Amino acid sequence: MIHMKFAVITSVVSLFSIVMSPGARAADTVTYEVLSNNVAAAKIQYFDSSGRKVLYDVPLPWRTSVTVLDAHSPSVDGAEVRADWRPRVCDGRAWCPEAMPNNWVTVRISLGGKVICESTLDVGNAACYGSTSFRS
Protein backbone atom coordinates (compact mmCIF):
# COMPACT_ATOMS: atom_id res chain seq x y z
CA MET A 1 0.00 0.00 0.00
CA ILE A 2 2.84 2.38 0.83
CA HIS A 3 4.49 1.58 -2.50
CA MET A 4 1.21 2.35 -4.30
CA LYS A 5 0.88 5.76 -2.58
CA PHE A 6 4.51 6.55 -3.37
CA ALA A 7 3.97 5.63 -7.04
CA VAL A 8 0.85 7.81 -7.25
CA ILE A 9 2.56 10.78 -5.58
CA THR A 10 5.60 10.42 -7.84
CA SER A 11 3.38 10.29 -10.92
CA VAL A 12 1.40 13.36 -9.87
CA VAL A 13 4.56 15.36 -9.12
CA SER A 14 6.13 14.35 -12.44
CA LEU A 15 3.00 15.24 -14.40
CA PHE A 16 2.70 18.58 -12.57
CA SER A 17 6.32 19.50 -13.30
CA ILE A 18 5.87 18.72 -17.00
CA VAL A 19 2.65 20.73 -17.27
CA MET A 20 3.97 23.71 -15.29
CA SER A 21 7.45 23.95 -16.80
CA PRO A 22 7.90 26.66 -19.42
CA GLY A 23 8.36 25.46 -22.97
CA ALA A 24 11.76 25.71 -24.52
CA ARG A 25 12.16 28.82 -26.64
CA ALA A 26 14.64 29.21 -29.42
CA ALA A 27 16.97 32.18 -29.23
CA ASP A 28 16.51 35.10 -31.64
CA THR A 29 19.06 36.24 -34.20
CA VAL A 30 19.04 40.02 -34.52
CA THR A 31 20.98 42.38 -36.76
CA TYR A 32 22.39 45.58 -35.28
CA GLU A 33 23.33 48.50 -37.53
CA VAL A 34 24.91 51.90 -36.92
CA LEU A 35 24.90 54.20 -39.95
CA SER A 36 25.87 57.78 -40.75
CA ASN A 37 26.62 59.92 -43.76
CA ASN A 38 28.86 62.32 -41.85
CA VAL A 39 30.17 60.62 -38.68
CA ALA A 40 33.20 58.46 -39.38
CA ALA A 41 33.41 56.40 -36.16
CA ALA A 42 31.58 55.77 -32.88
CA LYS A 43 31.75 53.82 -29.64
CA ILE A 44 29.21 51.00 -29.97
CA GLN A 45 27.62 48.95 -27.19
CA TYR A 46 25.31 46.02 -27.77
CA PHE A 47 23.98 42.87 -26.12
CA ASP A 48 24.35 39.32 -27.30
CA SER A 49 23.61 36.06 -25.49
CA SER A 50 26.87 36.31 -23.51
CA GLY A 51 26.31 39.87 -22.26
CA ARG A 52 27.18 43.47 -23.09
CA LYS A 53 29.88 44.16 -25.66
CA VAL A 54 31.69 47.50 -26.04
CA LEU A 55 33.64 48.45 -29.17
CA TYR A 56 35.66 51.67 -29.47
CA ASP A 57 36.31 53.85 -32.52
CA VAL A 58 34.29 51.61 -34.83
CA PRO A 59 34.26 52.80 -38.46
CA LEU A 60 30.74 53.54 -39.73
CA PRO A 61 28.68 52.06 -41.26
CA TRP A 62 28.78 49.04 -38.94
CA ARG A 63 26.62 45.92 -38.94
CA THR A 64 26.62 42.60 -37.09
CA SER A 65 24.21 39.74 -36.45
CA VAL A 66 24.10 38.16 -32.99
CA THR A 67 21.98 35.79 -30.95
CA VAL A 68 19.94 37.01 -27.96
CA LEU A 69 17.61 34.97 -25.76
CA ASP A 70 14.52 37.09 -26.51
CA ALA A 71 14.82 40.09 -28.83
CA HIS A 72 11.78 41.79 -27.29
CA SER A 73 12.81 41.34 -23.64
CA PRO A 74 13.41 44.55 -21.63
CA SER A 75 16.15 42.77 -19.65
CA VAL A 76 19.74 41.84 -20.48
CA ASP A 77 18.29 38.90 -22.45
CA GLY A 78 16.92 41.34 -25.04
CA ALA A 79 18.28 43.22 -28.02
CA GLU A 80 19.93 46.59 -27.42
CA VAL A 81 22.37 48.70 -29.42
CA ARG A 82 23.89 52.10 -28.57
CA ALA A 83 26.22 54.44 -30.39
CA ASP A 84 28.14 57.37 -28.90
CA TRP A 85 30.02 59.70 -31.22
CA ARG A 86 30.64 62.62 -28.85
CA PRO A 87 34.24 63.81 -28.68
CA ARG A 88 36.21 62.83 -25.56
CA VAL A 89 36.05 66.44 -24.32
CA CYS A 90 32.32 65.80 -23.67
CA ASP A 91 32.90 62.90 -21.24
CA GLY A 92 30.91 63.45 -18.05
CA ARG A 93 29.13 66.58 -19.28
CA ALA A 94 25.35 66.75 -19.67
CA TRP A 95 25.55 69.45 -22.37
CA CYS A 96 28.41 69.53 -24.82
CA PRO A 97 28.34 71.97 -27.75
CA GLU A 98 31.47 70.27 -29.11
CA ALA A 99 29.27 67.28 -29.97
CA MET A 100 28.52 69.18 -33.19
CA PRO A 101 24.76 69.02 -33.81
CA ASN A 102 23.62 67.98 -37.29
CA ASN A 103 25.97 65.00 -37.35
CA TRP A 104 23.18 62.42 -37.68
CA VAL A 105 23.59 58.76 -36.75
CA THR A 106 21.03 55.96 -37.08
CA VAL A 107 20.96 52.87 -34.85
CA ARG A 108 18.75 49.99 -35.92
CA ILE A 109 17.70 46.52 -34.76
CA SER A 110 16.19 44.00 -37.19
CA LEU A 111 14.64 40.63 -36.41
CA GLY A 112 13.83 38.22 -39.20
CA GLY A 113 14.50 40.92 -41.79
CA LYS A 114 12.00 43.31 -40.18
CA VAL A 115 13.11 46.51 -38.42
CA ILE A 116 11.90 46.38 -34.81
CA CYS A 117 13.59 49.59 -33.63
CA GLU A 118 15.26 52.53 -35.33
CA SER A 119 16.49 55.82 -33.92
CA THR A 120 18.21 58.69 -35.74
CA LEU A 121 19.71 61.47 -33.63
CA ASP A 122 22.30 64.23 -33.84
CA VAL A 123 22.93 64.81 -30.13
CA GLY A 124 26.02 62.63 -29.84
CA ASN A 125 24.42 59.37 -28.80
CA ALA A 126 21.51 57.15 -29.82
CA ALA A 127 20.05 53.87 -28.61
CA CYS A 128 17.55 51.23 -29.69
CA TYR A 129 15.87 48.52 -27.63
CA GLY A 130 14.09 45.44 -28.97
CA SER A 131 11.51 45.83 -26.20
CA THR A 132 10.18 48.98 -27.89
CA SER A 133 8.93 49.51 -31.43
CA PHE A 134 10.42 53.00 -31.57
CA ARG A 135 11.14 54.51 -34.98
CA SER A 136 12.36 58.06 -35.49
C-alpha atoms as a PDB file:
ATOM      1  CA  MET A   1       0.000   0.000   0.000  1.00  0.00           C
ATOM      2  CA  ILE A   2       2.840   2.383   0.828  1.00  0.00           C
ATOM      3  CA  HIS A   3       4.486   1.578  -2.499  1.00  0.00           C
ATOM      4  CA  MET A   4       1.211   2.354  -4.304  1.00  0.00           C
ATOM      5  CA  LYS A   5       0.879   5.757  -2.577  1.00  0.00           C
ATOM      6  CA  PHE A   6       4.513   6.549  -3.368  1.00  0.00           C
ATOM      7  CA  ALA A   7       3.970   5.633  -7.036  1.00  0.00           C
ATOM      8  CA  VAL A   8       0.848   7.807  -7.252  1.00  0.00           C
ATOM      9  CA  ILE A   9       2.559  10.781  -5.585  1.00  0.00           C
ATOM     10  CA  THR A  10       5.604  10.417  -7.845  1.00  0.00           C
ATOM     11  CA  SER A  11       3.377  10.286 -10.922  1.00  0.00           C
ATOM     12  CA  VAL A  12       1.399  13.362  -9.868  1.00  0.00           C
ATOM     13  CA  VAL A  13       4.562  15.362  -9.116  1.00  0.00           C
ATOM     14  CA  SER A  14       6.128  14.347 -12.436  1.00  0.00           C
ATOM     15  CA  LEU A  15       3.000  15.243 -14.395  1.00  0.00           C
ATOM     16  CA  PHE A  16       2.696  18.582 -12.565  1.00  0.00           C
ATOM     17  CA  SER A  17       6.318  19.496 -13.297  1.00  0.00           C
ATOM     18  CA  ILE A  18       5.870  18.715 -17.000  1.00  0.00           C
ATOM     19  CA  VAL A  19       2.654  20.733 -17.272  1.00  0.00           C
ATOM     20  CA  MET A  20       3.970  23.708 -15.288  1.00  0.00           C
ATOM     21  CA  SER A  21       7.450  23.949 -16.796  1.00  0.00           C
ATOM     22  CA  PRO A  22       7.897  26.658 -19.424  1.00  0.00           C
ATOM     23  CA  GLY A  23       8.364  25.460 -22.966  1.00  0.00           C
ATOM     24  CA  ALA A  24      11.757  25.710 -24.521  1.00  0.00           C
ATOM     25  CA  ARG A  25      12.162  28.816 -26.635  1.00  0.00           C
ATOM     26  CA  ALA A  26      14.637  29.210 -29.421  1.00  0.00           C
ATOM     27  CA  ALA A  27      16.966  32.182 -29.231  1.00  0.00           C
ATOM     28  CA  ASP A  28      16.514  35.098 -31.637  1.00  0.00           C
ATOM     29  CA  THR A  29      19.060  36.240 -34.203  1.00  0.00           C
ATOM     30  CA  VAL A  30      19.041  40.024 -34.522  1.00  0.00           C
ATOM     31  CA  THR A  31      20.978  42.382 -36.760  1.00  0.00           C
ATOM     32  CA  TYR A  32      22.390  45.576 -35.282  1.00  0.00           C
ATOM     33  CA  GLU A  33      23.328  48.499 -37.527  1.00  0.00           C
ATOM     34  CA  VAL A  34      24.909  51.899 -36.920  1.00  0.00           C
ATOM     35  CA  LEU A  35      24.896  54.202 -39.954  1.00  0.00           C
ATOM     36  CA  SER A  36      25.869  57.776 -40.746  1.00  0.00           C
ATOM     37  CA  ASN A  37      26.619  59.924 -43.763  1.00  0.00           C
ATOM     38  CA  ASN A  38      28.864  62.322 -41.847  1.00  0.00           C
ATOM     39  CA  VAL A  39      30.168  60.621 -38.676  1.00  0.00           C
ATOM     40  CA  ALA A  40      33.202  58.458 -39.379  1.00  0.00           C
ATOM     41  CA  ALA A  41      33.409  56.403 -36.158  1.00  0.00           C
ATOM     42  CA  ALA A  42      31.577  55.767 -32.882  1.00  0.00           C
ATOM     43  CA  LYS A  43      31.753  53.823 -29.637  1.00  0.00           C
ATOM     44  CA  ILE A  44      29.210  50.996 -29.967  1.00  0.00           C
ATOM     45  CA  GLN A  45      27.616  48.952 -27.187  1.00  0.00           C
ATOM     46  CA  TYR A  46      25.312  46.017 -27.768  1.00  0.00           C
ATOM     47  CA  PHE A  47      23.984  42.874 -26.115  1.00  0.00           C
ATOM     48  CA  ASP A  48      24.348  39.316 -27.300  1.00  0.00           C
ATOM     49  CA  SER A  49      23.606  36.056 -25.488  1.00  0.00           C
ATOM     50  CA  SER A  50      26.866  36.305 -23.513  1.00  0.00           C
ATOM     51  CA  GLY A  51      26.309  39.868 -22.259  1.00  0.00           C
ATOM     52  CA  ARG A  52      27.183  43.468 -23.093  1.00  0.00           C
ATOM     53  CA  LYS A  53      29.882  44.161 -25.664  1.00  0.00           C
ATOM     54  CA  VAL A  54      31.690  47.497 -26.041  1.00  0.00           C
ATOM     55  CA  LEU A  55      33.644  48.454 -29.171  1.00  0.00           C
ATOM     56  CA  TYR A  56      35.658  51.670 -29.473  1.00  0.00           C
ATOM     57  CA  ASP A  57      36.313  53.854 -32.523  1.00  0.00           C
ATOM     58  CA  VAL A  58      34.289  51.612 -34.829  1.00  0.00           C
ATOM     59  CA  PRO A  59      34.258  52.798 -38.462  1.00  0.00           C
ATOM     60  CA  LEU A  60      30.744  53.536 -39.735  1.00  0.00           C
ATOM     61  CA  PRO A  61      28.678  52.056 -41.255  1.00  0.00           C
ATOM     62  CA  TRP A  62      28.785  49.036 -38.944  1.00  0.00           C
ATOM     63  CA  ARG A  63      26.619  45.919 -38.940  1.00  0.00           C
ATOM     64  CA  THR A  64      26.619  42.602 -37.087  1.00  0.00           C
ATOM     65  CA  SER A  65      24.208  39.739 -36.451  1.00  0.00           C
ATOM     66  CA  VAL A  66      24.099  38.160 -32.994  1.00  0.00           C
ATOM     67  CA  THR A  67      21.980  35.793 -30.945  1.00  0.00           C
ATOM     68  CA  VAL A  68      19.940  37.009 -27.959  1.00  0.00           C
ATOM     69  CA  LEU A  69      17.611  34.970 -25.760  1.00  0.00           C
ATOM     70  CA  ASP A  70      14.518  37.086 -26.509  1.00  0.00           C
ATOM     71  CA  ALA A  71      14.822  40.088 -28.835  1.00  0.00           C
ATOM     72  CA  HIS A  72      11.784  41.790 -27.287  1.00  0.00           C
ATOM     73  CA  SER A  73      12.809  41.335 -23.641  1.00  0.00           C
ATOM     74  CA  PRO A  74      13.411  44.546 -21.632  1.00  0.00           C
ATOM     75  CA  SER A  75      16.149  42.766 -19.649  1.00  0.00           C
ATOM     76  CA  VAL A  76      19.738  41.844 -20.482  1.00  0.00           C
ATOM     77  CA  ASP A  77      18.293  38.904 -22.449  1.00  0.00           C
ATOM     78  CA  GLY A  78      16.920  41.336 -25.038  1.00  0.00           C
ATOM     79  CA  ALA A  79      18.277  43.216 -28.019  1.00  0.00           C
ATOM     80  CA  GLU A  80      19.935  46.590 -27.422  1.00  0.00           C
ATOM     81  CA  VAL A  81      22.374  48.702 -29.418  1.00  0.00           C
ATOM     82  CA  ARG A  82      23.887  52.102 -28.568  1.00  0.00           C
ATOM     83  CA  ALA A  83      26.218  54.443 -30.388  1.00  0.00           C
ATOM     84  CA  ASP A  84      28.135  57.367 -28.895  1.00  0.00           C
ATOM     85  CA  TRP A  85      30.015  59.701 -31.221  1.00  0.00           C
ATOM     86  CA  ARG A  86      30.644  62.623 -28.852  1.00  0.00           C
ATOM     87  CA  PRO A  87      34.239  63.810 -28.685  1.00  0.00           C
ATOM     88  CA  ARG A  88      36.214  62.834 -25.558  1.00  0.00           C
ATOM     89  CA  VAL A  89      36.049  66.442 -24.324  1.00  0.00           C
ATOM     90  CA  CYS A  90      32.321  65.796 -23.671  1.00  0.00           C
ATOM     91  CA  ASP A  91      32.897  62.904 -21.242  1.00  0.00           C
ATOM     92  CA  GLY A  92      30.909  63.447 -18.054  1.00  0.00           C
ATOM     93  CA  ARG A  93      29.130  66.578 -19.285  1.00  0.00           C
ATOM     94  CA  ALA A  94      25.348  66.750 -19.674  1.00  0.00           C
ATOM     95  CA  TRP A  95      25.545  69.447 -22.366  1.00  0.00           C
ATOM     96  CA  CYS A  96      28.408  69.534 -24.816  1.00  0.00           C
ATOM     97  CA  PRO A  97      28.343  71.967 -27.753  1.00  0.00           C
ATOM     98  CA  GLU A  98      31.475  70.268 -29.108  1.00  0.00           C
ATOM     99  CA  ALA A  99      29.266  67.275 -29.972  1.00  0.00           C
ATOM    100  CA  MET A 100      28.519  69.175 -33.189  1.00  0.00           C
ATOM    101  CA  PRO A 101      24.759  69.025 -33.811  1.00  0.00           C
ATOM    102  CA  ASN A 102      23.617  67.980 -37.287  1.00  0.00           C
ATOM    103  CA  ASN A 103      25.966  65.000 -37.346  1.00  0.00           C
ATOM    104  CA  TRP A 104      23.185  62.425 -37.677  1.00  0.00           C
ATOM    105  CA  VAL A 105      23.592  58.757 -36.748  1.00  0.00           C
ATOM    106  CA  THR A 106      21.031  55.957 -37.076  1.00  0.00           C
ATOM    107  CA  VAL A 107      20.960  52.875 -34.853  1.00  0.00           C
ATOM    108  CA  ARG A 108      18.754  49.988 -35.917  1.00  0.00           C
ATOM    109  CA  ILE A 109      17.696  46.516 -34.761  1.00  0.00           C
ATOM    110  CA  SER A 110      16.193  44.002 -37.189  1.00  0.00           C
ATOM    111  CA  LEU A 111      14.643  40.630 -36.406  1.00  0.00           C
ATOM    112  CA  GLY A 112      13.825  38.215 -39.202  1.00  0.00           C
ATOM    113  CA  GLY A 113      14.496  40.920 -41.794  1.00  0.00           C
ATOM    114  CA  LYS A 114      11.998  43.315 -40.175  1.00  0.00           C
ATOM    115  CA  VAL A 115      13.112  46.507 -38.420  1.00  0.00           C
ATOM    116  CA  ILE A 116      11.903  46.379 -34.809  1.00  0.00           C
ATOM    117  CA  CYS A 117      13.590  49.593 -33.625  1.00  0.00           C
ATOM    118  CA  GLU A 118      15.260  52.533 -35.331  1.00  0.00           C
ATOM    119  CA  SER A 119      16.491  55.820 -33.917  1.00  0.00           C
ATOM    120  CA  THR A 120      18.208  58.687 -35.741  1.00  0.00           C
ATOM    121  CA  LEU A 121      19.710  61.470 -33.629  1.00  0.00           C
ATOM    122  CA  ASP A 122      22.305  64.229 -33.841  1.00  0.00           C
ATOM    123  CA  VAL A 123      22.930  64.813 -30.132  1.00  0.00           C
ATOM    124  CA  GLY A 124      26.017  62.631 -29.841  1.00  0.00           C
ATOM    125  CA  ASN A 125      24.421  59.366 -28.796  1.00  0.00           C
ATOM    126  CA  ALA A 126      21.511  57.149 -29.823  1.00  0.00           C
ATOM    127  CA  ALA A 127      20.053  53.865 -28.612  1.00  0.00           C
ATOM    128  CA  CYS A 128      17.548  51.226 -29.687  1.00  0.00           C
ATOM    129  CA  TYR A 129      15.870  48.519 -27.627  1.00  0.00           C
ATOM    130  CA  GLY A 130      14.094  45.440 -28.969  1.00  0.00           C
ATOM    131  CA  SER A 131      11.510  45.832 -26.199  1.00  0.00           C
ATOM    132  CA  THR A 132      10.183  48.983 -27.893  1.00  0.00           C
ATOM    133  CA  SER A 133       8.935  49.508 -31.425  1.00  0.00           C
ATOM    134  CA  PHE A 134      10.424  53.003 -31.571  1.00  0.00           C
ATOM    135  CA  ARG A 135      11.143  54.511 -34.978  1.00  0.00           C
ATOM    136  CA  SER A 136      12.355  58.058 -35.488  1.00  0.00           C
END
